[in-house]
Amino acid sequence: MEEIDLKELERANPIIQVAIEWGIKVRGSMGRCFKADRHPDGNEESTLFFNVAKNSFFCKSCADVRGSVIDLICQHQGWERKKAVDWLAHRVEFDQLTQKLYHGKGKKK
């Protein structure tokens, strides 16, 4: 694969969409932390906060649960950074291919 522009890759992968794809329950711009078992009160529903403008996240209870969309995947899946970057790049390529194949198809002329 070519050299990847990480800023562009992050912009192309909205953090809330990625979080939902990985099974994180999101309501608005908040969600349940995927490390909630470490929280003092594990029953807290919304400790994970998403900043859509900066495409970032943080947990108010976990000092080490925070970062970019790439960090979200690394922390959630336990992956190395390269694997997360490759997954996001594949996600963008798949979306672009799907859009080319189906965008505008079936519209009445």
N, C-alpha and C. Protein backbone atom coordinates (compact mmCIF):
# COMPACT_ATOMS: atom_id res chain seq x y z
N MET A 1 0.85 -1.18 0.00
CA MET A 1 0.00 0.00 0.00
C MET A 1 0.89 1.25 0.00
N GLU A 2 0.41 2.31 -0.60
CA GLU A 2 1.15 3.56 -0.68
C GLU A 2 1.30 4.19 0.70
N GLU A 3 2.16 5.23 0.75
CA GLU A 3 2.31 6.01 1.98
C GLU A 3 0.94 6.58 2.36
N ILE A 4 0.54 6.42 3.59
CA ILE A 4 -0.77 6.85 4.04
C ILE A 4 -0.66 8.19 4.77
N ASP A 5 -1.50 9.14 4.38
CA ASP A 5 -1.59 10.42 5.08
C ASP A 5 -2.52 10.18 6.28
N LEU A 6 -1.94 10.12 7.47
CA LEU A 6 -2.72 9.77 8.67
C LEU A 6 -3.81 10.78 8.97
N LYS A 7 -3.54 12.07 8.78
CA LYS A 7 -4.57 13.09 9.05
C LYS A 7 -5.76 12.88 8.12
N GLU A 8 -5.49 12.61 6.84
CA GLU A 8 -6.57 12.38 5.88
C GLU A 8 -7.32 11.09 6.21
N LEU A 9 -6.59 10.08 6.62
CA LEU A 9 -7.21 8.81 7.00
C LEU A 9 -8.13 9.01 8.20
N GLU A 10 -7.69 9.78 9.18
CA GLU A 10 -8.52 10.05 10.35
C GLU A 10 -9.77 10.84 9.97
N ARG A 11 -9.62 11.82 9.08
CA ARG A 11 -10.79 12.62 8.63
C ARG A 11 -11.80 11.75 7.89
N ALA A 12 -11.32 10.76 7.18
CA ALA A 12 -12.19 9.90 6.38
C ALA A 12 -12.91 8.85 7.22
N ASN A 13 -12.58 8.74 8.49
CA ASN A 13 -13.17 7.73 9.37
C ASN A 13 -13.75 8.40 10.61
N PRO A 14 -15.02 8.82 10.53
CA PRO A 14 -15.66 9.47 11.68
C PRO A 14 -15.65 8.55 12.91
N ILE A 15 -15.19 9.09 14.02
CA ILE A 15 -14.96 8.27 15.21
C ILE A 15 -16.22 7.60 15.74
N ILE A 16 -17.34 8.27 15.69
CA ILE A 16 -18.57 7.65 16.21
C ILE A 16 -19.01 6.49 15.32
N GLN A 17 -18.88 6.62 14.01
CA GLN A 17 -19.22 5.51 13.11
C GLN A 17 -18.32 4.32 13.37
N VAL A 18 -17.03 4.57 13.54
CA VAL A 18 -16.09 3.49 13.81
C VAL A 18 -16.40 2.83 15.15
N ALA A 19 -16.69 3.64 16.16
CA ALA A 19 -17.03 3.09 17.49
C ALA A 19 -18.25 2.18 17.41
N ILE A 20 -19.27 2.61 16.69
CA ILE A 20 -20.49 1.80 16.55
C ILE A 20 -20.18 0.50 15.81
N GLU A 21 -19.36 0.58 14.76
CA GLU A 21 -18.98 -0.62 14.01
C GLU A 21 -18.28 -1.65 14.90
N TRP A 22 -17.55 -1.18 15.91
CA TRP A 22 -16.85 -2.08 16.82
C TRP A 22 -17.72 -2.48 18.01
N GLY A 23 -18.99 -2.10 17.99
CA GLY A 23 -19.91 -2.55 19.03
C GLY A 23 -19.97 -1.69 20.27
N ILE A 24 -19.38 -0.50 20.23
CA ILE A 24 -19.46 0.41 21.37
C ILE A 24 -20.84 1.06 21.33
N LYS A 25 -21.54 0.98 22.44
CA LYS A 25 -22.87 1.59 22.51
C LYS A 25 -22.72 3.09 22.66
N VAL A 26 -23.24 3.83 21.67
CA VAL A 26 -23.11 5.28 21.64
C VAL A 26 -24.50 5.90 21.64
N ARG A 27 -24.64 6.93 22.45
CA ARG A 27 -25.88 7.72 22.48
C ARG A 27 -25.46 9.18 22.38
N GLY A 28 -25.79 9.82 21.26
CA GLY A 28 -25.34 11.19 21.02
C GLY A 28 -23.84 11.20 20.82
N SER A 29 -23.13 11.88 21.69
CA SER A 29 -21.67 11.91 21.61
C SER A 29 -21.03 11.26 22.84
N MET A 30 -21.78 10.37 23.48
CA MET A 30 -21.27 9.67 24.66
C MET A 30 -21.52 8.17 24.51
N GLY A 31 -20.74 7.40 25.22
CA GLY A 31 -20.91 5.96 25.17
C GLY A 31 -20.39 5.28 26.41
N ARG A 32 -20.58 3.98 26.43
CA ARG A 32 -20.08 3.17 27.54
C ARG A 32 -18.64 2.79 27.26
N CYS A 33 -17.77 3.04 28.20
CA CYS A 33 -16.35 2.74 28.04
C CYS A 33 -16.14 1.23 27.87
N PHE A 34 -15.27 0.87 26.97
CA PHE A 34 -14.98 -0.54 26.72
C PHE A 34 -14.04 -1.11 27.78
N LYS A 35 -13.60 -0.29 28.72
CA LYS A 35 -12.79 -0.74 29.86
C LYS A 35 -13.56 -0.51 31.16
N ALA A 36 -14.88 -0.53 31.09
CA ALA A 36 -15.73 -0.21 32.25
C ALA A 36 -15.50 -1.15 33.43
N ASP A 37 -14.98 -2.34 33.17
CA ASP A 37 -14.71 -3.27 34.27
C ASP A 37 -13.64 -2.73 35.22
N ARG A 38 -12.85 -1.76 34.79
CA ARG A 38 -11.82 -1.14 35.63
C ARG A 38 -12.35 0.05 36.42
N HIS A 39 -13.55 0.52 36.09
CA HIS A 39 -14.10 1.70 36.76
C HIS A 39 -14.47 1.40 38.21
N PRO A 40 -14.34 2.40 39.09
CA PRO A 40 -14.75 2.20 40.48
C PRO A 40 -16.23 1.81 40.57
N ASP A 41 -17.06 2.42 39.74
CA ASP A 41 -18.48 2.07 39.67
C ASP A 41 -18.75 1.57 38.26
N GLY A 42 -18.59 0.28 38.06
CA GLY A 42 -18.73 -0.32 36.74
C GLY A 42 -20.09 -0.16 36.09
N ASN A 43 -21.07 0.33 36.83
CA ASN A 43 -22.41 0.49 36.28
C ASN A 43 -22.62 1.81 35.55
N GLU A 44 -21.62 2.67 35.56
CA GLU A 44 -21.76 3.95 34.87
C GLU A 44 -22.00 3.69 33.38
N GLU A 45 -23.05 4.27 32.86
CA GLU A 45 -23.40 4.05 31.46
C GLU A 45 -22.56 4.88 30.50
N SER A 46 -22.39 6.15 30.78
CA SER A 46 -21.73 7.04 29.82
C SER A 46 -20.50 7.71 30.42
N THR A 47 -19.35 7.08 30.22
CA THR A 47 -18.10 7.70 30.66
C THR A 47 -17.19 7.98 29.48
N LEU A 48 -17.57 7.50 28.31
CA LEU A 48 -16.78 7.69 27.10
C LEU A 48 -17.36 8.86 26.33
N PHE A 49 -16.54 9.85 26.07
CA PHE A 49 -16.99 11.06 25.39
C PHE A 49 -16.29 11.18 24.04
N PHE A 50 -17.07 11.51 23.00
CA PHE A 50 -16.54 11.66 21.66
C PHE A 50 -16.58 13.14 21.28
N ASN A 51 -15.48 13.65 20.77
CA ASN A 51 -15.40 15.01 20.26
C ASN A 51 -15.42 14.89 18.74
N VAL A 52 -16.58 15.11 18.14
CA VAL A 52 -16.75 14.93 16.70
C VAL A 52 -15.89 15.92 15.92
N ALA A 53 -15.78 17.15 16.40
CA ALA A 53 -14.99 18.17 15.70
C ALA A 53 -13.52 17.78 15.60
N LYS A 54 -12.99 17.17 16.65
CA LYS A 54 -11.58 16.78 16.66
C LYS A 54 -11.39 15.30 16.32
N ASN A 55 -12.50 14.57 16.14
CA ASN A 55 -12.48 13.14 15.83
C ASN A 55 -11.66 12.39 16.88
N SER A 56 -11.95 12.70 18.15
CA SER A 56 -11.20 12.10 19.25
C SER A 56 -12.17 11.60 20.32
N PHE A 57 -11.61 10.97 21.35
CA PHE A 57 -12.42 10.42 22.44
C PHE A 57 -11.61 10.43 23.73
N PHE A 58 -12.34 10.31 24.85
CA PHE A 58 -11.69 10.09 26.14
C PHE A 58 -12.72 9.50 27.10
N CYS A 59 -12.22 8.79 28.09
CA CYS A 59 -13.06 8.26 29.16
C CYS A 59 -12.77 9.09 30.41
N LYS A 60 -13.83 9.54 31.07
CA LYS A 60 -13.62 10.37 32.27
C LYS A 60 -13.10 9.55 33.45
N SER A 61 -13.19 8.23 33.37
CA SER A 61 -12.72 7.39 34.47
C SER A 61 -11.37 6.72 34.22
N CYS A 62 -10.98 6.60 32.97
CA CYS A 62 -9.73 5.91 32.62
C CYS A 62 -8.73 6.89 32.02
N ALA A 63 -7.64 7.11 32.69
CA ALA A 63 -6.63 8.06 32.20
C ALA A 63 -5.99 7.62 30.90
N ASP A 64 -5.95 6.30 30.64
CA ASP A 64 -5.27 5.79 29.45
C ASP A 64 -6.22 5.49 28.28
N VAL A 65 -7.49 5.78 28.42
CA VAL A 65 -8.47 5.55 27.35
C VAL A 65 -8.81 6.91 26.75
N ARG A 66 -8.08 7.23 25.66
CA ARG A 66 -8.25 8.52 25.00
C ARG A 66 -7.43 8.53 23.73
N GLY A 67 -7.75 9.48 22.84
CA GLY A 67 -6.94 9.65 21.64
C GLY A 67 -7.75 9.85 20.39
N SER A 68 -7.15 9.46 19.28
CA SER A 68 -7.74 9.62 17.95
C SER A 68 -8.54 8.37 17.57
N VAL A 69 -9.09 8.38 16.37
CA VAL A 69 -9.82 7.21 15.88
C VAL A 69 -8.87 6.01 15.76
N ILE A 70 -7.61 6.26 15.42
CA ILE A 70 -6.62 5.17 15.35
C ILE A 70 -6.40 4.60 16.75
N ASP A 71 -6.25 5.48 17.73
CA ASP A 71 -6.06 5.04 19.12
C ASP A 71 -7.27 4.25 19.62
N LEU A 72 -8.47 4.66 19.21
CA LEU A 72 -9.68 3.95 19.62
C LEU A 72 -9.60 2.48 19.21
N ILE A 73 -9.22 2.24 17.98
CA ILE A 73 -9.13 0.86 17.49
C ILE A 73 -8.02 0.10 18.20
N CYS A 74 -6.87 0.74 18.34
CA CYS A 74 -5.75 0.08 19.04
C CYS A 74 -6.15 -0.33 20.45
N GLN A 75 -6.77 0.58 21.18
CA GLN A 75 -7.14 0.31 22.57
C GLN A 75 -8.30 -0.68 22.67
N HIS A 76 -9.29 -0.53 21.81
CA HIS A 76 -10.46 -1.41 21.86
C HIS A 76 -10.12 -2.84 21.44
N GLN A 77 -9.33 -2.97 20.39
CA GLN A 77 -9.02 -4.29 19.84
C GLN A 77 -7.71 -4.89 20.37
N GLY A 78 -6.88 -4.04 21.00
CA GLY A 78 -5.57 -4.52 21.44
C GLY A 78 -4.61 -4.71 20.28
N TRP A 79 -4.82 -3.93 19.22
CA TRP A 79 -3.99 -4.03 18.01
C TRP A 79 -2.82 -3.08 18.06
N GLU A 80 -1.80 -3.42 17.27
CA GLU A 80 -0.69 -2.51 17.01
C GLU A 80 -1.21 -1.40 16.11
N ARG A 81 -0.53 -0.25 16.14
CA ARG A 81 -0.95 0.92 15.36
C ARG A 81 -1.04 0.62 13.85
N LYS A 82 -0.08 -0.10 13.29
CA LYS A 82 -0.08 -0.39 11.85
C LYS A 82 -1.32 -1.18 11.46
N LYS A 83 -1.71 -2.14 12.27
CA LYS A 83 -2.90 -2.94 11.95
C LYS A 83 -4.15 -2.07 11.96
N ALA A 84 -4.24 -1.15 12.92
CA ALA A 84 -5.39 -0.25 12.98
C ALA A 84 -5.42 0.69 11.77
N VAL A 85 -4.26 1.21 11.38
CA VAL A 85 -4.17 2.08 10.21
C VAL A 85 -4.57 1.32 8.95
N ASP A 86 -4.08 0.09 8.81
CA ASP A 86 -4.45 -0.73 7.65
C ASP A 86 -5.95 -0.99 7.61
N TRP A 87 -6.55 -1.27 8.78
CA TRP A 87 -7.99 -1.53 8.83
C TRP A 87 -8.78 -0.28 8.40
N LEU A 88 -8.38 0.88 8.91
CA LEU A 88 -9.07 2.12 8.53
C LEU A 88 -8.90 2.42 7.05
N ALA A 89 -7.71 2.18 6.50
CA ALA A 89 -7.48 2.40 5.07
C ALA A 89 -8.37 1.48 4.25
N HIS A 90 -8.47 0.23 4.66
CA HIS A 90 -9.35 -0.72 3.97
C HIS A 90 -10.80 -0.27 4.04
N ARG A 91 -11.21 0.24 5.19
CA ARG A 91 -12.58 0.73 5.37
C ARG A 91 -12.88 1.86 4.39
N VAL A 92 -11.94 2.79 4.23
CA VAL A 92 -12.13 3.91 3.30
C VAL A 92 -12.19 3.41 1.86
N GLU A 93 -11.26 2.51 1.50
CA GLU A 93 -11.25 1.95 0.14
C GLU A 93 -12.56 1.23 -0.16
N PHE A 94 -13.06 0.46 0.79
CA PHE A 94 -14.32 -0.27 0.61
C PHE A 94 -15.47 0.71 0.41
N ASP A 95 -15.52 1.78 1.22
CA ASP A 95 -16.57 2.78 1.08
C ASP A 95 -16.52 3.45 -0.29
N GLN A 96 -15.33 3.77 -0.76
CA GLN A 96 -15.19 4.43 -2.06
C GLN A 96 -15.60 3.50 -3.19
N LEU A 97 -15.21 2.24 -3.12
CA LEU A 97 -15.59 1.27 -4.13
C LEU A 97 -17.10 1.07 -4.15
N THR A 98 -17.69 0.93 -2.98
CA THR A 98 -19.14 0.75 -2.88
C THR A 98 -19.87 1.95 -3.44
N GLN A 99 -19.39 3.14 -3.15
CA GLN A 99 -20.03 4.35 -3.65
C GLN A 99 -19.96 4.39 -5.18
N LYS A 100 -18.82 4.04 -5.75
CA LYS A 100 -18.68 4.03 -7.21
C LYS A 100 -19.64 3.02 -7.85
N LEU A 101 -19.79 1.87 -7.22
CA LEU A 101 -20.64 0.83 -7.77
C LEU A 101 -22.13 1.16 -7.70
N TYR A 102 -22.55 1.81 -6.61
CA TYR A 102 -23.98 1.93 -6.36
C TYR A 102 -24.53 3.35 -6.32
N HIS A 103 -23.70 4.36 -6.20
CA HIS A 103 -24.21 5.72 -6.09
C HIS A 103 -24.93 6.13 -7.37
N GLY A 104 -26.16 6.51 -7.20
CA GLY A 104 -26.96 6.97 -8.34
C GLY A 104 -27.62 5.87 -9.13
N LYS A 105 -27.33 4.62 -8.84
CA LYS A 105 -27.94 3.50 -9.54
C LYS A 105 -29.40 3.36 -9.08
N GLY A 106 -30.26 3.05 -9.99
CA GLY A 106 -31.65 2.82 -9.66
C GLY A 106 -32.49 4.08 -9.61
N LYS A 107 -31.89 5.23 -9.86
CA LYS A 107 -32.66 6.47 -9.87
C LYS A 107 -33.45 6.57 -11.15
N LYS A 108 -34.64 7.07 -11.03
CA LYS A 108 -35.46 7.28 -12.22
C LYS A 108 -34.90 8.43 -13.02
N LYS A 109 -34.91 8.26 -14.32
CA LYS A 109 -34.39 9.31 -15.22
C LYS A 109 -35.51 10.07 -15.87
